[in-house]
């Protein structure tokens, strides 16, 4: 597709596409906290619990880069 191999398109999607999706999910969590009037502790709890999976994915990516997997 447009001179890119399937591996290059998949790599781009996994880095930039998934990164953009994660930022959008953070926006959704913030909007949820704002609309529910969660307060500081509630907002922290929402971000901590709902964004914990994204943190694990980012840590996995960093470890793969460091260990050369």
PDB file of N, CA and C in Angstrom:
ATOM      1  N   UNK A   1       0.839  -1.167   0.000  1.00  0.00           N
ATOM      2  CA  UNK A   1       0.000   0.000   0.000  1.00  0.00           C
ATOM      3  C   UNK A   1       0.892   1.241   0.000  1.00  0.00           C
ATOM      4  N   UNK A   2       0.837   2.005  -1.049  1.00  0.00           N
ATOM      5  CA  UNK A   2       1.605   3.239  -1.217  1.00  0.00           C
ATOM      6  C   UNK A   2       3.096   3.016  -1.034  1.00  0.00           C
ATOM      7  N   UNK A   3       3.591   1.855  -1.404  1.00  0.00           N
ATOM      8  CA  UNK A   3       5.013   1.568  -1.324  1.00  0.00           C
ATOM      9  C   UNK A   3       5.502   1.089   0.026  1.00  0.00           C
ATOM     10  N   UNK A   4       4.594   0.841   0.954  1.00  0.00           N
ATOM     11  CA  UNK A   4       4.970   0.343   2.275  1.00  0.00           C
ATOM     12  C   UNK A   4       4.651  -1.140   2.366  1.00  0.00           C
ATOM     13  N   UNK A   5       5.477  -1.861   3.079  1.00  0.00           N
ATOM     14  CA  UNK A   5       5.196  -3.270   3.289  1.00  0.00           C
ATOM     15  C   UNK A   5       4.158  -3.431   4.402  1.00  0.00           C
ATOM     16  N   UNK A   6       3.637  -4.643   4.512  1.00  0.00           N
ATOM     17  CA  UNK A   6       2.641  -4.905   5.549  1.00  0.00           C
ATOM     18  C   UNK A   6       3.233  -4.715   6.937  1.00  0.00           C
ATOM     19  N   UNK A   7       4.491  -5.091   7.115  1.00  0.00           N
ATOM     20  CA  UNK A   7       5.155  -4.943   8.409  1.00  0.00           C
ATOM     21  C   UNK A   7       5.319  -3.473   8.778  1.00  0.00           C
ATOM     22  N   UNK A   8       5.634  -2.626   7.815  1.00  0.00           N
ATOM     23  CA  UNK A   8       5.789  -1.193   8.087  1.00  0.00           C
ATOM     24  C   UNK A   8       4.460  -0.551   8.468  1.00  0.00           C
ATOM     25  N   UNK A   9       3.396  -0.936   7.784  1.00  0.00           N
ATOM     26  CA  UNK A   9       2.074  -0.392   8.105  1.00  0.00           C
ATOM     27  C   UNK A   9       1.639  -0.861   9.491  1.00  0.00           C
ATOM     28  N   UNK A  10       1.892  -2.130   9.813  1.00  0.00           N
ATOM     29  CA  UNK A  10       1.534  -2.663  11.133  1.00  0.00           C
ATOM     30  C   UNK A  10       2.344  -1.983  12.228  1.00  0.00           C
ATOM     31  N   UNK A  11       3.620  -1.743  11.985  1.00  0.00           N
ATOM     32  CA  UNK A  11       4.460  -1.064  12.983  1.00  0.00           C
ATOM     33  C   UNK A  11       3.978   0.356  13.215  1.00  0.00           C
ATOM     34  N   UNK A  12       3.630   1.049  12.156  1.00  0.00           N
ATOM     35  CA  UNK A  12       3.119   2.421  12.287  1.00  0.00           C
ATOM     36  C   UNK A  12       1.821   2.422  13.078  1.00  0.00           C
ATOM     37  N   UNK A  13       0.942   1.486  12.764  1.00  0.00           N
ATOM     38  CA  UNK A  13      -0.335   1.418  13.471  1.00  0.00           C
ATOM     39  C   UNK A  13      -0.168   1.093  14.936  1.00  0.00           C
ATOM     40  N   UNK A  14       0.785   0.221  15.258  1.00  0.00           N
ATOM     41  CA  UNK A  14       0.988  -0.164  16.655  1.00  0.00           C
ATOM     42  C   UNK A  14       1.659   0.944  17.460  1.00  0.00           C
ATOM     43  N   UNK A  15       2.412   1.808  16.829  1.00  0.00           N
ATOM     44  CA  UNK A  15       3.058   2.888  17.577  1.00  0.00           C
ATOM     45  C   UNK A  15       2.191   4.147  17.582  1.00  0.00           C
ATOM     46  N   UNK A  16       1.964   4.724  16.426  1.00  0.00           N
ATOM     47  CA  UNK A  16       1.254   6.000  16.364  1.00  0.00           C
ATOM     48  C   UNK A  16      -0.254   5.836  16.468  1.00  0.00           C
ATOM     49  N   UNK A  17      -0.802   4.844  15.798  1.00  0.00           N
ATOM     50  CA  UNK A  17      -2.243   4.633  15.849  1.00  0.00           C
ATOM     51  C   UNK A  17      -2.713   4.262  17.239  1.00  0.00           C
ATOM     52  N   UNK A  18      -2.026   3.328  17.875  1.00  0.00           N
ATOM     53  CA  UNK A  18      -2.405   2.917  19.217  1.00  0.00           C
ATOM     54  C   UNK A  18      -2.100   4.021  20.225  1.00  0.00           C
ATOM     55  N   UNK A  19      -1.030   4.768  20.009  1.00  0.00           N
ATOM     56  CA  UNK A  19      -0.726   5.910  20.890  1.00  0.00           C
ATOM     57  C   UNK A  19      -1.819   6.965  20.833  1.00  0.00           C
ATOM     58  N   UNK A  20      -2.303   7.248  19.625  1.00  0.00           N
ATOM     59  CA  UNK A  20      -3.389   8.222  19.475  1.00  0.00           C
ATOM     60  C   UNK A  20      -4.663   7.703  20.132  1.00  0.00           C
ATOM     61  N   UNK A  21      -4.916   6.412  20.011  1.00  0.00           N
ATOM     62  CA  UNK A  21      -6.091   5.819  20.643  1.00  0.00           C
ATOM     63  C   UNK A  21      -5.987   5.893  22.164  1.00  0.00           C
ATOM     64  N   UNK A  22      -4.791   5.700  22.706  1.00  0.00           N
ATOM     65  CA  UNK A  22      -4.586   5.804  24.154  1.00  0.00           C
ATOM     66  C   UNK A  22      -4.828   7.236  24.636  1.00  0.00           C
ATOM     67  N   UNK A  23      -4.353   8.207  23.890  1.00  0.00           N
ATOM     68  CA  UNK A  23      -4.603   9.606  24.264  1.00  0.00           C
ATOM     69  C   UNK A  23      -6.097   9.918  24.236  1.00  0.00           C
ATOM     70  N   UNK A  24      -6.788   9.370  23.251  1.00  0.00           N
ATOM     71  CA  UNK A  24      -8.237   9.573  23.166  1.00  0.00           C
ATOM     72  C   UNK A  24      -8.931   8.919  24.353  1.00  0.00           C
ATOM     73  N   UNK A  25      -8.468   7.751  24.766  1.00  0.00           N
ATOM     74  CA  UNK A  25      -9.045   7.083  25.929  1.00  0.00           C
ATOM     75  C   UNK A  25      -8.814   7.899  27.201  1.00  0.00           C
ATOM     76  N   UNK A  26      -7.633   8.527  27.326  1.00  0.00           N
ATOM     77  CA  UNK A  26      -7.386   9.405  28.473  1.00  0.00           C
ATOM     78  C   UNK A  26      -8.338  10.599  28.469  1.00  0.00           C
ATOM     79  N   UNK A  27      -8.614  11.129  27.288  1.00  0.00           N
ATOM     80  CA  UNK A  27      -9.588  12.219  27.170  1.00  0.00           C
ATOM     81  C   UNK A  27     -10.971  11.755  27.619  1.00  0.00           C
ATOM     82  N   UNK A  28     -11.353  10.545  27.231  1.00  0.00           N
ATOM     83  CA  UNK A  28     -12.655  10.007  27.628  1.00  0.00           C
ATOM     84  C   UNK A  28     -12.728   9.834  29.147  1.00  0.00           C
ATOM     85  N   UNK A  29     -11.658   9.339  29.761  1.00  0.00           N
ATOM     86  CA  UNK A  29     -11.630   9.177  31.214  1.00  0.00           C
ATOM     87  C   UNK A  29     -11.766  10.537  31.897  1.00  0.00           C
ATOM     88  N   UNK A  30     -11.052  11.539  31.392  1.00  0.00           N
ATOM     89  CA  UNK A  30     -11.157  12.887  31.953  1.00  0.00           C
ATOM     90  C   UNK A  30     -12.551  13.460  31.805  1.00  0.00           C
ATOM     91  N   UNK A  31     -13.165  13.232  30.658  1.00  0.00           N
ATOM     92  CA  UNK A  31     -14.529  13.707  30.432  1.00  0.00           C
ATOM     93  C   UNK A  31     -15.515  12.996  31.364  1.00  0.00           C
ATOM     94  N   UNK A  32     -15.298  11.706  31.572  1.00  0.00           N
ATOM     95  CA  UNK A  32     -16.136  10.946  32.496  1.00  0.00           C
ATOM     96  C   UNK A  32     -16.009  11.481  33.917  1.00  0.00           C
ATOM     97  N   UNK A  33     -14.797  11.780  34.338  1.00  0.00           N
ATOM     98  CA  UNK A  33     -14.586  12.331  35.679  1.00  0.00           C
ATOM     99  C   UNK A  33     -15.236  13.711  35.808  1.00  0.00           C
ATOM    100  N   UNK A  34     -15.141  14.522  34.767  1.00  0.00           N
ATOM    101  CA  UNK A  34     -15.709  15.872  34.810  1.00  0.00           C
ATOM    102  C   UNK A  34     -17.235  15.822  34.874  1.00  0.00           C
ATOM    103  N   UNK A  35     -17.844  15.006  34.020  1.00  0.00           N
ATOM    104  CA  UNK A  35     -19.305  14.952  33.966  1.00  0.00           C
ATOM    105  C   UNK A  35     -19.916  14.310  35.206  1.00  0.00           C
ATOM    106  N   UNK A  36     -19.189  13.408  35.844  1.00  0.00           N
ATOM    107  CA  UNK A  36     -19.725  12.760  37.038  1.00  0.00           C
ATOM    108  C   UNK A  36     -19.403  13.548  38.311  1.00  0.00           C
ATOM    109  N   UNK A  37     -18.665  14.665  38.150  1.00  0.00           N
ATOM    110  CA  UNK A  37     -18.258  15.496  39.298  1.00  0.00           C
ATOM    111  C   UNK A  37     -17.565  14.632  40.352  1.00  0.00           C
ATOM    112  N   UNK A  38     -16.540  13.900  39.906  1.00  0.00           N
ATOM    113  CA  UNK A  38     -15.894  12.894  40.745  1.00  0.00           C
ATOM    114  C   UNK A  38     -15.036  13.503  41.844  1.00  0.00           C
ATOM    115  N   UNK A  39     -14.592  14.710  41.725  1.00  0.00           N
ATOM    116  CA  UNK A  39     -13.694  15.290  42.720  1.00  0.00           C
ATOM    117  C   UNK A  39     -12.263  14.834  42.462  1.00  0.00           C
ATOM    118  N   UNK A  40     -11.348  15.287  43.309  1.00  0.00           N
ATOM    119  CA  UNK A  40      -9.929  14.976  43.089  1.00  0.00           C
ATOM    120  C   UNK A  40      -9.638  13.498  43.310  1.00  0.00           C
ATOM    121  N   UNK A  41     -10.135  12.935  44.398  1.00  0.00           N
ATOM    122  CA  UNK A  41      -9.873  11.529  44.695  1.00  0.00           C
ATOM    123  C   UNK A  41     -10.554  10.615  43.685  1.00  0.00           C
ATOM    124  N   UNK A  42     -11.774  10.936  43.316  1.00  0.00           N
ATOM    125  CA  UNK A  42     -12.492  10.140  42.322  1.00  0.00           C
ATOM    126  C   UNK A  42     -11.832  10.193  40.959  1.00  0.00           C
ATOM    127  N   UNK A  43     -11.356  11.377  40.577  1.00  0.00           N
ATOM    128  CA  UNK A  43     -10.656  11.515  39.301  1.00  0.00           C
ATOM    129  C   UNK A  43      -9.367  10.717  39.308  1.00  0.00           C
ATOM    130  N   UNK A  44      -8.634  10.780  40.424  1.00  0.00           N
ATOM    131  CA  UNK A  44      -7.419   9.990  40.541  1.00  0.00           C
ATOM    132  C   UNK A  44      -7.728   8.498  40.436  1.00  0.00           C
ATOM    133  N   UNK A  45      -8.789   8.062  41.106  1.00  0.00           N
ATOM    134  CA  UNK A  45      -9.160   6.648  41.068  1.00  0.00           C
ATOM    135  C   UNK A  45      -9.536   6.226  39.657  1.00  0.00           C
ATOM    136  N   UNK A  46     -10.291   7.056  38.952  1.00  0.00           N
ATOM    137  CA  UNK A  46     -10.668   6.739  37.572  1.00  0.00           C
ATOM    138  C   UNK A  46      -9.437   6.614  36.679  1.00  0.00           C
ATOM    139  N   UNK A  47      -8.549   7.587  36.767  1.00  0.00           N
ATOM    140  CA  UNK A  47      -7.356   7.535  35.924  1.00  0.00           C
ATOM    141  C   UNK A  47      -6.464   6.359  36.303  1.00  0.00           C
ATOM    142  N   UNK A  48      -6.316   6.089  37.592  1.00  0.00           N
ATOM    143  CA  UNK A  48      -5.445   5.001  38.028  1.00  0.00           C
ATOM    144  C   UNK A  48      -5.989   3.656  37.563  1.00  0.00           C
ATOM    145  N   UNK A  49      -7.260   3.414  37.811  1.00  0.00           N
ATOM    146  CA  UNK A  49      -7.828   2.105  37.499  1.00  0.00           C
ATOM    147  C   UNK A  49      -8.008   1.917  35.998  1.00  0.00           C
ATOM    148  N   UNK A  50      -8.574   2.897  35.323  1.00  0.00           N
ATOM    149  CA  UNK A  50      -8.883   2.721  33.907  1.00  0.00           C
ATOM    150  C   UNK A  50      -7.656   2.849  33.010  1.00  0.00           C
ATOM    151  N   UNK A  51      -6.641   3.560  33.457  1.00  0.00           N
ATOM    152  CA  UNK A  51      -5.442   3.722  32.637  1.00  0.00           C
ATOM    153  C   UNK A  51      -4.348   2.716  33.000  1.00  0.00           C
ATOM    154  N   UNK A  52      -4.605   1.845  33.970  1.00  0.00           N
ATOM    155  CA  UNK A  52      -3.593   0.882  34.406  1.00  0.00           C
ATOM    156  C   UNK A  52      -3.223  -0.091  33.289  1.00  0.00           C
ATOM    157  N   UNK A  53      -4.184  -0.502  32.478  1.00  0.00           N
ATOM    158  CA  UNK A  53      -3.910  -1.395  31.358  1.00  0.00           C
ATOM    159  C   UNK A  53      -3.018  -0.739  30.313  1.00  0.00           C
ATOM    160  N   UNK A  54      -3.242   0.544  30.066  1.00  0.00           N
ATOM    161  CA  UNK A  54      -2.393   1.265  29.117  1.00  0.00           C
ATOM    162  C   UNK A  54      -0.969   1.362  29.637  1.00  0.00           C
ATOM    163  N   UNK A  55      -0.821   1.556  30.931  1.00  0.00           N
ATOM    164  CA  UNK A  55       0.508   1.622  31.535  1.00  0.00           C
ATOM    165  C   UNK A  55       1.246   0.299  31.351  1.00  0.00           C
ATOM    166  N   UNK A  56       0.545  -0.806  31.507  1.00  0.00           N
ATOM    167  CA  UNK A  56       1.148  -2.117  31.296  1.00  0.00           C
ATOM    168  C   UNK A  56       1.599  -2.309  29.861  1.00  0.00           C
ATOM    169  N   UNK A  57       0.802  -1.843  28.906  1.00  0.00           N
ATOM    170  CA  UNK A  57       1.180  -1.962  27.501  1.00  0.00           C
ATOM    171  C   UNK A  57       2.415  -1.120  27.191  1.00  0.00           C
ATOM    172  N   UNK A  58       2.472   0.080  27.755  1.00  0.00           N
ATOM    173  CA  UNK A  58       3.629   0.953  27.536  1.00  0.00           C
ATOM    174  C   UNK A  58       4.874   0.343  28.168  1.00  0.00           C
ATOM    175  N   UNK A  59       4.732  -0.220  29.378  1.00  0.00           N
ATOM    176  CA  UNK A  59       5.873  -0.861  30.039  1.00  0.00           C
ATOM    177  C   UNK A  59       6.363  -2.053  29.228  1.00  0.00           C
ATOM    178  N   UNK A  60       5.454  -2.828  28.660  1.00  0.00           N
ATOM    179  CA  UNK A  60       5.833  -3.965  27.829  1.00  0.00           C
ATOM    180  C   UNK A  60       6.634  -3.505  26.605  1.00  0.00           C
ATOM    181  N   UNK A  61       6.190  -2.429  25.996  1.00  0.00           N
ATOM    182  CA  UNK A  61       6.886  -1.900  24.820  1.00  0.00           C
ATOM    183  C   UNK A  61       8.290  -1.417  25.184  1.00  0.00           C
ATOM    184  N   UNK A  62       8.414  -0.739  26.312  1.00  0.00           N
ATOM    185  CA  UNK A  62       9.721  -0.240  26.748  1.00  0.00           C
ATOM    186  C   UNK A  62      10.660  -1.400  27.063  1.00  0.00           C
ATOM    187  N   UNK A  63      10.151  -2.417  27.760  1.00  0.00           N
ATOM    188  CA  UNK A  63      10.985  -3.585  28.080  1.00  0.00           C
ATOM    189  C   UNK A  63      11.422  -4.318  26.818  1.00  0.00           C
ATOM    190  N   UNK A  64      10.553  -4.427  25.836  1.00  0.00           N
ATOM    191  CA  UNK A  64      10.938  -5.061  24.573  1.00  0.00           C
ATOM    192  C   UNK A  64      12.065  -4.305  23.896  1.00  0.00           C
ATOM    193  N   UNK A  65      11.991  -2.970  23.925  1.00  0.00           N
ATOM    194  CA  UNK A  65      13.041  -2.159  23.308  1.00  0.00           C
ATOM    195  C   UNK A  65      14.362  -2.306  24.064  1.00  0.00           C
ATOM    196  N   UNK A  66      14.298  -2.294  25.404  1.00  0.00           N
ATOM    197  CA  UNK A  66      15.513  -2.387  26.215  1.00  0.00           C
ATOM    198  C   UNK A  66      16.178  -3.753  26.082  1.00  0.00           C
ATOM    199  N   UNK A  67      15.386  -4.802  26.062  1.00  0.00           N
ATOM    200  CA  UNK A  67      15.933  -6.151  26.005  1.00  0.00           C
ATOM    201  C   UNK A  67      16.181  -6.635  24.587  1.00  0.00           C
ATOM    202  N   UNK A  68      15.753  -5.878  23.588  1.00  0.00           N
ATOM    203  CA  UNK A  68      15.988  -6.234  22.194  1.00  0.00           C
ATOM    204  C   UNK A  68      15.161  -7.410  21.712  1.00  0.00           C
ATOM    205  N   UNK A  69      13.980  -7.550  22.247  1.00  0.00           N
ATOM    206  CA  UNK A  69      13.092  -8.657  21.841  1.00  0.00           C
ATOM    207  C   UNK A  69      12.350  -8.272  20.598  1.00  0.00           C
TER     208      UNK A  69
END
